Protein backbone atom coordinates (compact mmCIF):
# COMPACT_ATOMS: atom_id res chain seq x y z
CA MET A 1 106.86 128.72 168.05
CA LEU A 2 110.54 129.67 168.25
CA ARG A 3 110.01 132.56 165.81
CA ARG A 4 107.14 133.89 167.96
CA ARG A 5 109.29 133.69 171.11
CA LEU A 6 112.17 135.48 169.36
CA ASN A 7 109.83 138.22 168.14
CA GLU A 8 108.36 138.56 171.64
CA ASN A 9 111.83 138.89 173.21
CA SER A 10 112.96 141.44 170.64
CA LEU A 11 109.78 143.44 171.30
CA PHE A 12 110.65 143.72 175.00
CA GLU A 13 114.31 144.46 174.26
CA ASN A 14 113.14 147.15 171.84
CA GLN A 15 110.95 148.67 174.58
CA GLU A 16 113.96 148.79 176.92
CA ALA A 17 116.26 150.27 174.27
CA LYS A 18 113.70 152.97 173.42
CA SER A 19 113.29 153.79 177.09
CA ILE A 20 117.06 154.04 177.60
CA ASP A 21 117.40 156.31 174.55
CA ALA A 22 114.56 158.52 175.81
CA ALA A 23 116.16 158.66 179.29
CA LYS A 24 119.48 159.73 177.75
CA ARG A 25 117.74 162.46 175.73
CA PHE A 26 115.88 163.60 178.86
CA LEU A 27 119.11 163.97 180.84
CA ILE A 28 121.06 165.65 178.03
CA ASP A 29 118.28 167.92 176.72
CA ASN A 30 117.60 169.24 180.20
CA ASN A 31 121.32 169.74 180.91
CA LEU A 32 121.02 167.55 184.00
CA ILE A 33 124.21 165.59 183.43
CA ARG A 34 127.24 165.68 181.16
CA PRO A 35 126.74 163.60 178.01
CA GLN A 36 129.77 161.41 178.84
CA ASN A 37 128.18 160.45 182.19
CA VAL A 38 124.72 159.57 180.90
CA ASP A 39 125.33 155.84 180.34
CA TRP A 40 126.96 155.51 183.75
CA TYR A 41 124.10 157.34 185.46
CA ILE A 42 121.38 155.20 183.89
CA ARG A 43 123.26 151.95 184.57
CA ILE A 44 124.51 152.66 188.11
CA GLU A 45 122.17 155.25 189.58
CA VAL A 46 118.94 153.96 188.07
CA ARG A 47 119.07 150.32 186.90
CA ASP A 48 121.29 149.01 189.70
CA LYS A 49 119.21 150.65 192.42
CA ILE A 50 115.87 149.49 190.99
CA PRO A 51 116.24 145.75 190.24
CA SER A 52 112.85 145.35 188.54
CA LEU A 53 114.17 147.50 185.68
CA LYS A 54 116.40 144.56 184.74
CA THR A 55 113.44 142.26 184.15
CA LYS A 56 112.06 141.58 180.69
CA LEU A 57 109.03 143.84 181.15
CA GLY A 58 110.48 146.27 183.68
CA GLY A 59 113.01 147.73 181.25
CA LYS A 60 110.21 149.68 179.61
CA PHE A 61 110.15 152.08 182.59
CA ILE A 62 113.80 153.25 182.61
CA LEU A 63 112.80 156.68 181.29
CA GLY A 64 110.18 157.21 184.00
CA CYS A 65 112.53 156.04 186.74
CA THR A 66 115.30 158.31 185.45
CA ARG A 67 112.95 161.28 185.45
CA ILE A 68 111.51 160.71 188.93
CA THR A 69 114.75 159.66 190.63
CA PHE A 70 117.06 162.34 189.22
CA PRO A 71 116.04 165.01 191.74
CA MET A 72 116.52 162.53 194.61
CA ASP A 73 119.94 162.83 196.20
CA ALA A 74 121.38 159.73 197.84
CA GLU A 75 123.76 161.79 199.98
CA GLU A 76 121.19 164.28 201.25
CA ASP A 77 118.02 162.19 201.34
CA ASP A 78 117.80 159.74 204.26
CA ASP A 79 114.87 158.01 202.54
CA PHE A 80 116.68 157.58 199.20
CA MET A 81 117.09 153.79 199.30
CA SER A 82 113.64 153.39 200.81
CA ASN A 83 112.24 155.41 197.89
CA MET A 84 114.18 153.25 195.41
CA SER A 85 112.74 150.14 197.04
CA TYR A 86 109.24 151.61 196.86
CA ILE A 87 109.70 152.47 193.17
CA ASP A 88 110.88 148.90 192.61
CA ARG A 89 107.71 147.55 194.24
CA ILE A 90 105.56 149.91 192.15
CA ILE A 91 107.21 148.73 188.93
CA ARG A 92 106.69 145.09 189.90
CA ARG A 93 103.02 145.89 190.55
CA ILE A 94 102.68 147.70 187.21
CA VAL A 95 104.34 144.80 185.38
CA ASP A 96 102.07 142.27 187.12
CA ALA A 97 98.73 143.99 186.66
CA HIS A 98 98.90 147.36 184.86
CA TYR A 99 101.58 147.05 182.16
CA ASP A 100 99.55 148.39 179.24
CA GLU A 101 98.09 151.24 181.29
CA TYR A 102 101.45 153.07 181.56
CA ASP A 103 103.86 154.40 178.99
CA ARG A 104 107.67 154.51 179.44
CA ASP A 105 107.33 157.70 181.48
CA PHE A 106 104.57 156.50 183.86
CA ASN A 107 102.14 158.76 181.94
CA GLY A 108 104.02 161.76 183.32
CA LEU A 109 103.27 160.94 186.96
CA GLY A 110 105.79 161.95 189.61
CA PHE A 111 107.00 159.90 192.57
CA ASP A 112 104.32 161.13 195.00
CA GLU A 113 101.57 160.59 192.44
CA LEU A 114 102.73 157.02 191.78
CA VAL A 115 102.90 156.34 195.50
CA ASN A 116 99.34 157.64 195.92
CA GLU A 117 98.14 155.58 192.99
CA PHE A 118 99.62 152.30 194.24
CA ASN A 119 99.65 152.83 198.00
CA ASP A 120 96.54 150.74 198.71
CA GLU A 121 97.66 147.86 196.47
CA LEU A 122 101.14 147.83 198.01
CA LYS A 123 99.77 147.97 201.56
CA GLU A 124 97.52 145.01 200.77
CA GLU A 125 100.47 143.14 199.24
CA LEU A 126 102.56 143.83 202.35
CA GLU A 127 99.78 142.65 204.66
CA ASN A 128 99.46 139.43 202.63
CA GLU A 129 103.21 138.86 202.89
CA LYS A 130 103.04 139.41 206.67
CA ARG A 131 100.18 136.90 206.96
CA VAL A 132 102.16 134.31 205.03
CA ILE A 133 105.24 134.83 207.19
CA LYS A 134 103.21 134.63 210.40
CA SER A 135 101.60 131.40 209.22
CA LEU A 136 104.95 129.67 208.74
CA ARG A 137 105.79 127.12 211.38
CA LEU A 138 109.54 127.40 211.68
CA LYS A 139 111.34 124.94 213.91
CA LYS A 140 114.68 125.36 215.55
CA ASN A 141 117.30 123.07 214.09
CA PRO A 142 118.51 120.96 217.06
CA ARG A 143 121.82 120.18 215.31
CA TYR A 144 122.98 123.80 215.56
CA GLU A 145 123.76 125.96 218.50
CA ILE A 146 123.95 129.72 218.19
CA LYS A 147 126.81 131.23 220.14
CA LYS A 148 127.45 134.89 220.65
CA ILE A 149 131.07 135.85 220.02
CA ASN A 150 132.04 138.98 221.89
CA SER A 151 135.71 139.29 221.02
CA PHE A 152 138.38 138.35 218.53
CA GLU A 153 139.91 136.01 221.09
CA ALA A 154 136.60 134.16 221.48
CA ALA A 155 136.38 133.83 217.68
CA GLU A 156 139.76 132.07 217.54
CA GLU A 157 138.10 129.00 219.04
CA PHE A 158 136.16 128.53 215.77
CA TYR A 159 139.07 129.04 213.38
CA GLU A 160 139.26 125.38 212.36
CA ALA A 161 135.48 125.09 211.88
CA SER A 162 135.16 127.63 209.08
CA GLN A 163 137.21 128.47 206.00
CA TRP A 164 135.90 132.04 205.94
CA CYS A 165 136.72 132.76 209.58
CA VAL A 166 138.18 136.23 210.17
CA CYS A 167 140.88 134.57 212.25
CA ASP A 168 142.54 133.46 209.03
CA ASN A 169 144.81 136.51 209.15
CA ILE A 170 146.00 136.01 212.70
CA ASP A 171 149.70 136.34 211.83
C-alpha cells in the first residue's frame, strides 16, 4: 500500500517536473525571457498567481499556464488578476473532471479557447455557489457590536482592547 502511494506521488511530481522543464524550454527557445530569469518567472509570475498549480494534480499544467499567461501584462492589463483567477478555476475544473483529456499544454488551446470551452461549466458552478450562500442562515452575534471608527483619535479608545491596534505607535 505504501509503495503504491509513493509511486503515485512520484508520478504526479514527475508530471510537474516535466511541465516545468517544458515551460522553461518554451520561454528560452522563444527568446521570451533571459535564461537566468526563467525560474523566477515560473515560480512568481505563474505558480504564485495561479494557486491550483501548486496542487498535486494541478502542477501538470504549468507549461500551458506559462504559454497562455506570458503575453498578459499585469501592468497594462486591468483584467490580469481576474484572468489569473479564471485560469485557476479552469484548472480546478480540469483536475476535477477532465484531467486525462488535456496534456501539459492544454492541447494547444489559448486563453479565449479555454474560457469558451469551460464557460458553461464555470457559470453553473458559480450559480451553485451563489445558491448555497443564499441558503445559509447567518445570525448576528449579539455579543459583538460593530463600530465605525472615523479617525485616529477615535481609534485610541480601543488601544487596550487589541494587541494589533494601530495606536501601538502613538509615541
